[in-house]
N, C-alpha and C. Protein backbone atom coordinates (compact mmCIF):
# COMPACT_ATOMS: atom_id res chain seq x y z
N MET A 1 0.85 -1.18 0.00
CA MET A 1 0.00 0.00 0.00
C MET A 1 0.90 1.24 0.00
N SER A 2 0.56 2.21 -0.82
CA SER A 2 1.37 3.43 -0.95
C SER A 2 1.16 4.35 0.25
N ASP A 3 2.06 5.32 0.38
CA ASP A 3 1.94 6.31 1.46
C ASP A 3 0.61 7.05 1.37
N LEU A 4 0.21 7.41 0.16
CA LEU A 4 -1.06 8.11 -0.03
C LEU A 4 -2.23 7.23 0.41
N GLN A 5 -2.23 5.98 0.02
CA GLN A 5 -3.31 5.08 0.42
C GLN A 5 -3.35 4.91 1.93
N ASN A 6 -2.19 4.82 2.56
CA ASN A 6 -2.13 4.72 4.02
C ASN A 6 -2.68 5.98 4.67
N ARG A 7 -2.37 7.14 4.11
CA ARG A 7 -2.87 8.40 4.66
C ARG A 7 -4.39 8.48 4.52
N ILE A 8 -4.91 8.06 3.39
CA ILE A 8 -6.36 8.07 3.17
C ILE A 8 -7.04 7.12 4.15
N LYS A 9 -6.46 5.95 4.34
CA LYS A 9 -7.02 4.99 5.29
C LYS A 9 -7.06 5.58 6.70
N GLN A 10 -5.98 6.27 7.08
CA GLN A 10 -5.92 6.92 8.38
C GLN A 10 -7.00 8.00 8.51
N LEU A 11 -7.15 8.83 7.48
CA LEU A 11 -8.16 9.88 7.50
C LEU A 11 -9.57 9.31 7.55
N LYS A 12 -9.81 8.21 6.85
CA LYS A 12 -11.14 7.58 6.92
C LYS A 12 -11.49 7.22 8.35
N GLN A 13 -10.52 6.70 9.08
CA GLN A 13 -10.77 6.33 10.47
C GLN A 13 -10.96 7.56 11.34
N GLU A 14 -10.11 8.56 11.17
CA GLU A 14 -10.20 9.78 11.98
C GLU A 14 -11.51 10.52 11.76
N LYS A 15 -11.96 10.58 10.52
CA LYS A 15 -13.14 11.37 10.16
C LYS A 15 -14.43 10.55 10.14
N ASN A 16 -14.34 9.25 10.44
CA ASN A 16 -15.49 8.36 10.35
C ASN A 16 -16.12 8.48 8.96
N ALA A 17 -15.29 8.22 7.96
CA ALA A 17 -15.70 8.38 6.56
C ALA A 17 -15.69 7.04 5.84
N VAL A 18 -16.47 6.97 4.78
CA VAL A 18 -16.44 5.82 3.88
C VAL A 18 -16.20 6.32 2.47
N ILE A 19 -15.60 5.47 1.67
CA ILE A 19 -15.42 5.78 0.26
C ILE A 19 -16.26 4.80 -0.54
N LEU A 20 -17.17 5.35 -1.30
CA LEU A 20 -18.05 4.57 -2.17
C LEU A 20 -17.58 4.81 -3.59
N ALA A 21 -17.26 3.76 -4.31
CA ALA A 21 -16.70 3.91 -5.66
C ALA A 21 -17.53 3.15 -6.68
N HIS A 22 -17.74 3.78 -7.80
CA HIS A 22 -18.37 3.08 -8.91
C HIS A 22 -17.41 2.02 -9.45
N TYR A 23 -17.96 0.98 -10.01
CA TYR A 23 -17.14 -0.13 -10.50
C TYR A 23 -16.24 0.27 -11.67
N TYR A 24 -16.50 1.41 -12.30
CA TYR A 24 -15.73 1.82 -13.47
C TYR A 24 -14.63 2.83 -13.15
N VAL A 25 -14.43 3.19 -11.88
CA VAL A 25 -13.37 4.13 -11.55
C VAL A 25 -12.01 3.42 -11.55
N HIS A 26 -10.95 4.19 -11.50
CA HIS A 26 -9.60 3.64 -11.54
C HIS A 26 -9.37 2.63 -10.42
N ASP A 27 -8.53 1.66 -10.71
CA ASP A 27 -8.20 0.62 -9.73
C ASP A 27 -7.68 1.19 -8.42
N GLU A 28 -6.90 2.27 -8.50
CA GLU A 28 -6.35 2.88 -7.30
C GLU A 28 -7.44 3.36 -6.35
N VAL A 29 -8.54 3.84 -6.92
CA VAL A 29 -9.66 4.28 -6.09
C VAL A 29 -10.37 3.07 -5.51
N GLN A 30 -10.58 2.06 -6.31
CA GLN A 30 -11.25 0.85 -5.83
C GLN A 30 -10.47 0.18 -4.71
N GLU A 31 -9.14 0.26 -4.77
CA GLU A 31 -8.31 -0.37 -3.74
C GLU A 31 -8.55 0.22 -2.35
N ILE A 32 -8.91 1.50 -2.28
CA ILE A 32 -9.14 2.13 -0.97
C ILE A 32 -10.62 2.28 -0.64
N ALA A 33 -11.48 1.93 -1.59
CA ALA A 33 -12.92 2.07 -1.38
C ALA A 33 -13.44 1.05 -0.38
N ASP A 34 -14.43 1.47 0.38
CA ASP A 34 -15.09 0.56 1.31
C ASP A 34 -16.18 -0.25 0.61
N TYR A 35 -16.78 0.35 -0.40
CA TYR A 35 -17.83 -0.31 -1.17
C TYR A 35 -17.65 0.03 -2.64
N ILE A 36 -17.88 -0.94 -3.50
CA ILE A 36 -17.77 -0.76 -4.95
C ILE A 36 -19.04 -1.29 -5.59
N GLY A 37 -19.62 -0.51 -6.53
CA GLY A 37 -20.82 -0.97 -7.19
C GLY A 37 -21.40 0.08 -8.11
N ASP A 38 -22.64 -0.15 -8.52
CA ASP A 38 -23.32 0.82 -9.36
C ASP A 38 -24.02 1.86 -8.48
N SER A 39 -24.60 2.86 -9.10
CA SER A 39 -25.22 3.96 -8.35
C SER A 39 -26.32 3.47 -7.42
N PHE A 40 -27.12 2.53 -7.87
CA PHE A 40 -28.21 2.02 -7.04
C PHE A 40 -27.67 1.36 -5.78
N TYR A 41 -26.70 0.47 -5.95
CA TYR A 41 -26.11 -0.21 -4.80
C TYR A 41 -25.46 0.79 -3.84
N LEU A 42 -24.70 1.73 -4.38
CA LEU A 42 -24.01 2.69 -3.53
C LEU A 42 -24.98 3.59 -2.78
N SER A 43 -26.10 3.93 -3.40
CA SER A 43 -27.09 4.76 -2.70
C SER A 43 -27.73 3.98 -1.56
N LYS A 44 -27.93 2.68 -1.74
CA LYS A 44 -28.47 1.84 -0.66
C LYS A 44 -27.47 1.75 0.49
N VAL A 45 -26.20 1.56 0.17
CA VAL A 45 -25.16 1.49 1.19
C VAL A 45 -25.09 2.80 1.96
N ALA A 46 -25.16 3.91 1.26
CA ALA A 46 -25.05 5.23 1.89
C ALA A 46 -26.14 5.47 2.92
N THR A 47 -27.33 4.94 2.68
CA THR A 47 -28.43 5.15 3.62
C THR A 47 -28.26 4.31 4.88
N LYS A 48 -27.42 3.30 4.83
CA LYS A 48 -27.27 2.39 5.97
C LYS A 48 -25.98 2.59 6.75
N THR A 49 -25.07 3.37 6.24
CA THR A 49 -23.79 3.55 6.92
C THR A 49 -23.91 4.49 8.11
N ASP A 50 -23.07 4.28 9.09
CA ASP A 50 -23.01 5.18 10.25
C ASP A 50 -21.91 6.22 10.09
N ALA A 51 -21.30 6.25 8.92
CA ALA A 51 -20.22 7.20 8.67
C ALA A 51 -20.74 8.63 8.67
N ASP A 52 -19.86 9.54 9.07
CA ASP A 52 -20.20 10.97 9.06
C ASP A 52 -19.96 11.60 7.70
N TYR A 53 -19.09 10.98 6.92
CA TYR A 53 -18.76 11.48 5.59
C TYR A 53 -18.89 10.35 4.59
N GLY A 54 -19.42 10.70 3.41
CA GLY A 54 -19.58 9.71 2.37
C GLY A 54 -19.65 10.37 1.01
N ARG A 55 -20.08 9.64 0.01
CA ARG A 55 -20.04 10.11 -1.36
C ARG A 55 -21.26 10.93 -1.77
N GLU A 56 -22.45 10.47 -1.51
CA GLU A 56 -23.65 11.12 -2.06
C GLU A 56 -24.47 11.75 -0.96
N ARG A 57 -24.44 13.08 -0.91
CA ARG A 57 -25.13 13.82 0.16
C ARG A 57 -26.61 13.46 0.26
N GLN A 58 -27.29 13.35 -0.88
CA GLN A 58 -28.72 13.11 -0.84
C GLN A 58 -29.07 11.75 -0.25
N ASN A 59 -28.11 10.86 -0.18
CA ASN A 59 -28.40 9.53 0.32
C ASN A 59 -27.90 9.28 1.74
N LEU A 60 -27.15 10.22 2.29
CA LEU A 60 -26.68 10.05 3.65
C LEU A 60 -27.77 10.46 4.63
N LYS A 61 -27.65 9.96 5.83
CA LYS A 61 -28.61 10.31 6.86
C LYS A 61 -28.54 11.81 7.15
N PRO A 62 -29.60 12.42 7.65
CA PRO A 62 -29.59 13.85 7.96
C PRO A 62 -28.43 14.20 8.87
N GLY A 63 -27.82 15.36 8.62
CA GLY A 63 -26.72 15.83 9.43
C GLY A 63 -25.35 15.30 8.99
N LYS A 64 -25.32 14.47 7.98
CA LYS A 64 -24.06 13.92 7.47
C LYS A 64 -23.55 14.78 6.33
N ASP A 65 -22.31 14.61 5.97
CA ASP A 65 -21.70 15.42 4.93
C ASP A 65 -21.07 14.52 3.87
N CYS A 66 -20.71 15.09 2.75
CA CYS A 66 -20.11 14.28 1.69
C CYS A 66 -19.06 15.06 0.93
N THR A 67 -18.23 14.32 0.27
CA THR A 67 -17.27 14.87 -0.67
C THR A 67 -17.37 14.03 -1.93
N TYR A 68 -17.42 14.68 -3.06
CA TYR A 68 -17.52 13.95 -4.31
C TYR A 68 -16.41 14.37 -5.24
N ALA A 69 -15.62 13.43 -5.64
CA ALA A 69 -14.57 13.69 -6.63
C ALA A 69 -14.87 12.82 -7.81
N GLY A 70 -15.46 13.39 -8.82
CA GLY A 70 -15.88 12.56 -9.92
C GLY A 70 -15.47 13.02 -11.25
């Protein structure tokens, strides 16, 4: 695992974040993703996670935040 991947893993733990990745994104993103799938699957996962940060704002529980790099 690269230094960058280790740093991202550390930040995910510190920030209580998850990374949701579409199946067609780069392998490097999939390697650090917590969940990989299509939009439907990822939206279902987002509604059930206890993470404070995730990919799709509209699908996270109220009061949660997201970052999208697409």
